Amino acid sequence: MQKWEVTFVDDHGVQAVEHFDCEQKPSMEQAAQMIRAKLLPVPAELDLNDLEGRTDDPTVKILKDQCSIQILGITPAP
């Protein structure tokens, strides 16, 4: 499995990097789901995503709008 770096701005405005193992490069939605599971484990377990099926990348939107977390990029880890 390949390691991927997901660079994002957290809820304090600080740029951070998390590493995840995936077979292929994760999409923005997959990266958002992994970030949410790592940083916000309780909300990640709750299925409160009323945007599912109604908008593209609902987890990305929720992280940005409700948690002030924005993904900046996904790159292979060195």
N, C-alpha and C. Protein backbone atom coordinates (compact mmCIF):
# COMPACT_ATOMS: atom_id res chain seq x y z
N MET A 1 0.84 -1.18 0.00
CA MET A 1 0.00 0.00 0.00
C MET A 1 0.88 1.24 0.00
N GLN A 2 0.43 2.25 -0.68
CA GLN A 2 1.19 3.49 -0.79
C GLN A 2 0.75 4.47 0.29
N LYS A 3 1.70 5.27 0.76
CA LYS A 3 1.38 6.32 1.74
C LYS A 3 1.10 7.62 1.00
N TRP A 4 0.09 8.34 1.49
CA TRP A 4 -0.30 9.63 0.90
C TRP A 4 -0.30 10.69 1.98
N GLU A 5 0.14 11.88 1.61
CA GLU A 5 0.09 13.04 2.48
C GLU A 5 -1.11 13.89 2.11
N VAL A 6 -1.93 14.17 3.11
CA VAL A 6 -3.06 15.07 2.90
C VAL A 6 -2.74 16.35 3.67
N THR A 7 -2.57 17.43 2.93
CA THR A 7 -2.26 18.74 3.53
C THR A 7 -3.57 19.51 3.65
N PHE A 8 -3.78 20.09 4.83
CA PHE A 8 -5.02 20.81 5.08
C PHE A 8 -4.80 21.93 6.06
N VAL A 9 -5.75 22.83 6.13
CA VAL A 9 -5.76 23.90 7.12
C VAL A 9 -6.78 23.49 8.17
N ASP A 10 -6.33 23.43 9.44
CA ASP A 10 -7.24 22.99 10.49
C ASP A 10 -8.13 24.13 10.98
N ASP A 11 -8.93 23.83 11.98
CA ASP A 11 -9.90 24.80 12.48
C ASP A 11 -9.28 25.99 13.19
N HIS A 12 -7.96 25.97 13.41
CA HIS A 12 -7.26 27.10 14.01
C HIS A 12 -6.50 27.91 12.97
N GLY A 13 -6.64 27.53 11.69
CA GLY A 13 -5.95 28.23 10.61
C GLY A 13 -4.51 27.80 10.42
N VAL A 14 -4.14 26.68 11.04
CA VAL A 14 -2.77 26.17 10.96
C VAL A 14 -2.70 25.09 9.89
N GLN A 15 -1.69 25.17 9.04
CA GLN A 15 -1.52 24.15 8.01
C GLN A 15 -0.96 22.89 8.67
N ALA A 16 -1.55 21.74 8.34
CA ALA A 16 -1.13 20.47 8.93
C ALA A 16 -1.08 19.40 7.84
N VAL A 17 -0.41 18.30 8.16
CA VAL A 17 -0.29 17.17 7.23
C VAL A 17 -0.61 15.89 7.98
N GLU A 18 -1.41 15.04 7.38
CA GLU A 18 -1.69 13.71 7.91
C GLU A 18 -1.30 12.70 6.84
N HIS A 19 -0.86 11.53 7.26
CA HIS A 19 -0.48 10.46 6.33
C HIS A 19 -1.49 9.34 6.41
N PHE A 20 -1.84 8.81 5.24
CA PHE A 20 -2.79 7.71 5.14
C PHE A 20 -2.29 6.69 4.15
N ASP A 21 -2.62 5.42 4.37
CA ASP A 21 -2.28 4.33 3.46
C ASP A 21 -3.47 4.04 2.56
N CYS A 22 -3.25 4.09 1.25
CA CYS A 22 -4.28 3.79 0.26
C CYS A 22 -3.63 3.13 -0.95
N GLU A 23 -4.37 2.28 -1.63
CA GLU A 23 -3.87 1.65 -2.84
C GLU A 23 -3.65 2.69 -3.94
N GLN A 24 -4.62 3.59 -4.11
CA GLN A 24 -4.56 4.63 -5.13
C GLN A 24 -4.69 5.98 -4.45
N LYS A 25 -4.40 7.02 -5.23
CA LYS A 25 -4.55 8.38 -4.69
C LYS A 25 -6.00 8.58 -4.28
N PRO A 26 -6.23 8.97 -3.01
CA PRO A 26 -7.62 9.21 -2.58
C PRO A 26 -8.21 10.45 -3.23
N SER A 27 -9.50 10.42 -3.45
CA SER A 27 -10.20 11.60 -3.96
C SER A 27 -10.31 12.61 -2.82
N MET A 28 -10.74 13.82 -3.14
CA MET A 28 -10.94 14.83 -2.10
C MET A 28 -11.96 14.34 -1.08
N GLU A 29 -13.03 13.68 -1.54
CA GLU A 29 -14.06 13.17 -0.63
C GLU A 29 -13.49 12.09 0.28
N GLN A 30 -12.71 11.16 -0.28
CA GLN A 30 -12.11 10.11 0.54
C GLN A 30 -11.13 10.70 1.56
N ALA A 31 -10.34 11.67 1.13
CA ALA A 31 -9.41 12.34 2.04
C ALA A 31 -10.17 13.05 3.16
N ALA A 32 -11.27 13.71 2.81
CA ALA A 32 -12.08 14.41 3.82
C ALA A 32 -12.65 13.42 4.83
N GLN A 33 -13.07 12.26 4.37
CA GLN A 33 -13.60 11.25 5.28
C GLN A 33 -12.52 10.72 6.22
N MET A 34 -11.30 10.54 5.69
CA MET A 34 -10.19 10.07 6.54
C MET A 34 -9.79 11.14 7.55
N ILE A 35 -9.74 12.40 7.11
CA ILE A 35 -9.41 13.50 8.04
C ILE A 35 -10.47 13.60 9.12
N ARG A 36 -11.73 13.53 8.73
CA ARG A 36 -12.82 13.63 9.71
C ARG A 36 -12.74 12.49 10.71
N ALA A 37 -12.45 11.28 10.25
CA ALA A 37 -12.35 10.13 11.16
C ALA A 37 -11.20 10.29 12.14
N LYS A 38 -10.11 10.90 11.69
CA LYS A 38 -8.94 11.06 12.56
C LYS A 38 -9.10 12.24 13.52
N LEU A 39 -9.57 13.38 13.03
CA LEU A 39 -9.66 14.58 13.85
C LEU A 39 -10.97 14.69 14.64
N LEU A 40 -12.03 14.16 14.09
CA LEU A 40 -13.36 14.27 14.70
C LEU A 40 -14.00 12.88 14.76
N PRO A 41 -13.45 11.98 15.59
CA PRO A 41 -13.92 10.58 15.56
C PRO A 41 -15.39 10.39 15.93
N VAL A 42 -15.90 11.15 16.87
CA VAL A 42 -17.31 10.96 17.27
C VAL A 42 -18.26 11.43 16.16
N PRO A 43 -18.11 12.66 15.64
CA PRO A 43 -18.99 13.06 14.54
C PRO A 43 -18.84 12.17 13.30
N ALA A 44 -17.65 11.61 13.10
CA ALA A 44 -17.44 10.75 11.94
C ALA A 44 -18.28 9.48 12.03
N GLU A 45 -18.53 9.01 13.25
CA GLU A 45 -19.33 7.80 13.43
C GLU A 45 -20.82 8.08 13.26
N LEU A 46 -21.23 9.30 13.51
CA LEU A 46 -22.64 9.65 13.36
C LEU A 46 -22.93 9.93 11.90
N ASP A 47 -24.04 9.47 11.42
CA ASP A 47 -24.40 9.73 10.03
C ASP A 47 -25.37 10.90 9.99
N LEU A 48 -24.80 12.10 10.10
CA LEU A 48 -25.61 13.31 10.11
C LEU A 48 -25.45 14.08 8.80
N ASN A 49 -24.96 13.39 7.78
CA ASN A 49 -24.66 14.05 6.52
C ASN A 49 -25.91 14.14 5.66
N ASP A 50 -26.67 15.20 5.81
CA ASP A 50 -27.90 15.36 5.03
C ASP A 50 -27.62 15.80 3.60
N LEU A 51 -26.35 16.05 3.26
CA LEU A 51 -26.00 16.43 1.90
C LEU A 51 -25.70 15.22 1.02
N GLU A 52 -25.62 14.03 1.63
CA GLU A 52 -25.30 12.81 0.88
C GLU A 52 -26.26 12.62 -0.28
N GLY A 53 -25.72 12.49 -1.48
CA GLY A 53 -26.53 12.30 -2.66
C GLY A 53 -27.11 13.57 -3.24
N ARG A 54 -26.97 14.70 -2.54
CA ARG A 54 -27.54 15.96 -3.04
C ARG A 54 -26.48 16.92 -3.52
N THR A 55 -25.23 16.68 -3.17
CA THR A 55 -24.15 17.56 -3.59
C THR A 55 -22.88 16.74 -3.81
N ASP A 56 -22.00 17.24 -4.65
CA ASP A 56 -20.71 16.58 -4.86
C ASP A 56 -19.85 16.79 -3.62
N ASP A 57 -19.11 15.77 -3.23
CA ASP A 57 -18.18 15.83 -2.11
C ASP A 57 -18.80 16.41 -0.83
N PRO A 58 -19.83 15.76 -0.29
CA PRO A 58 -20.51 16.31 0.89
C PRO A 58 -19.62 16.43 2.12
N THR A 59 -18.68 15.48 2.32
CA THR A 59 -17.82 15.56 3.50
C THR A 59 -16.87 16.73 3.39
N VAL A 60 -16.37 17.00 2.19
CA VAL A 60 -15.49 18.15 1.97
C VAL A 60 -16.24 19.43 2.35
N LYS A 61 -17.48 19.54 1.91
CA LYS A 61 -18.31 20.73 2.18
C LYS A 61 -18.57 20.88 3.68
N ILE A 62 -18.92 19.79 4.34
CA ILE A 62 -19.22 19.86 5.77
C ILE A 62 -17.97 20.23 6.57
N LEU A 63 -16.82 19.63 6.24
CA LEU A 63 -15.59 19.98 6.96
C LEU A 63 -15.28 21.46 6.81
N LYS A 64 -15.46 21.99 5.61
CA LYS A 64 -15.15 23.40 5.37
C LYS A 64 -16.17 24.32 6.03
N ASP A 65 -17.45 24.04 5.84
CA ASP A 65 -18.50 24.93 6.33
C ASP A 65 -18.70 24.86 7.84
N GLN A 66 -18.67 23.65 8.41
CA GLN A 66 -19.01 23.49 9.82
C GLN A 66 -17.79 23.40 10.74
N CYS A 67 -16.67 22.93 10.20
CA CYS A 67 -15.50 22.71 11.05
C CYS A 67 -14.31 23.58 10.68
N SER A 68 -14.42 24.39 9.63
CA SER A 68 -13.35 25.26 9.16
C SER A 68 -12.07 24.50 8.81
N ILE A 69 -12.23 23.28 8.29
CA ILE A 69 -11.09 22.48 7.85
C ILE A 69 -11.15 22.40 6.34
N GLN A 70 -10.06 22.81 5.68
CA GLN A 70 -10.02 22.82 4.23
C GLN A 70 -8.82 22.03 3.73
N ILE A 71 -9.06 21.06 2.86
CA ILE A 71 -7.98 20.26 2.28
C ILE A 71 -7.32 21.06 1.18
N LEU A 72 -5.98 21.14 1.26
CA LEU A 72 -5.21 21.90 0.28
C LEU A 72 -4.63 21.01 -0.82
N GLY A 73 -4.29 19.77 -0.47
CA GLY A 73 -3.68 18.92 -1.48
C GLY A 73 -3.46 17.49 -1.00
N ILE A 74 -3.30 16.60 -1.98
CA ILE A 74 -3.03 15.19 -1.71
C ILE A 74 -1.85 14.79 -2.58
N THR A 75 -0.75 14.37 -1.93
CA THR A 75 0.45 14.01 -2.67
C THR A 75 1.02 12.70 -2.12
N PRO A 76 1.82 12.01 -2.93
CA PRO A 76 2.49 10.81 -2.42
C PRO A 76 3.46 11.20 -1.29
N ALA A 77 3.49 10.40 -0.26
CA ALA A 77 4.42 10.67 0.85
C ALA A 77 5.83 10.29 0.43
N PRO A 78 6.81 11.06 0.87
CA PRO A 78 8.20 10.75 0.49
C PRO A 78 8.70 9.49 1.16
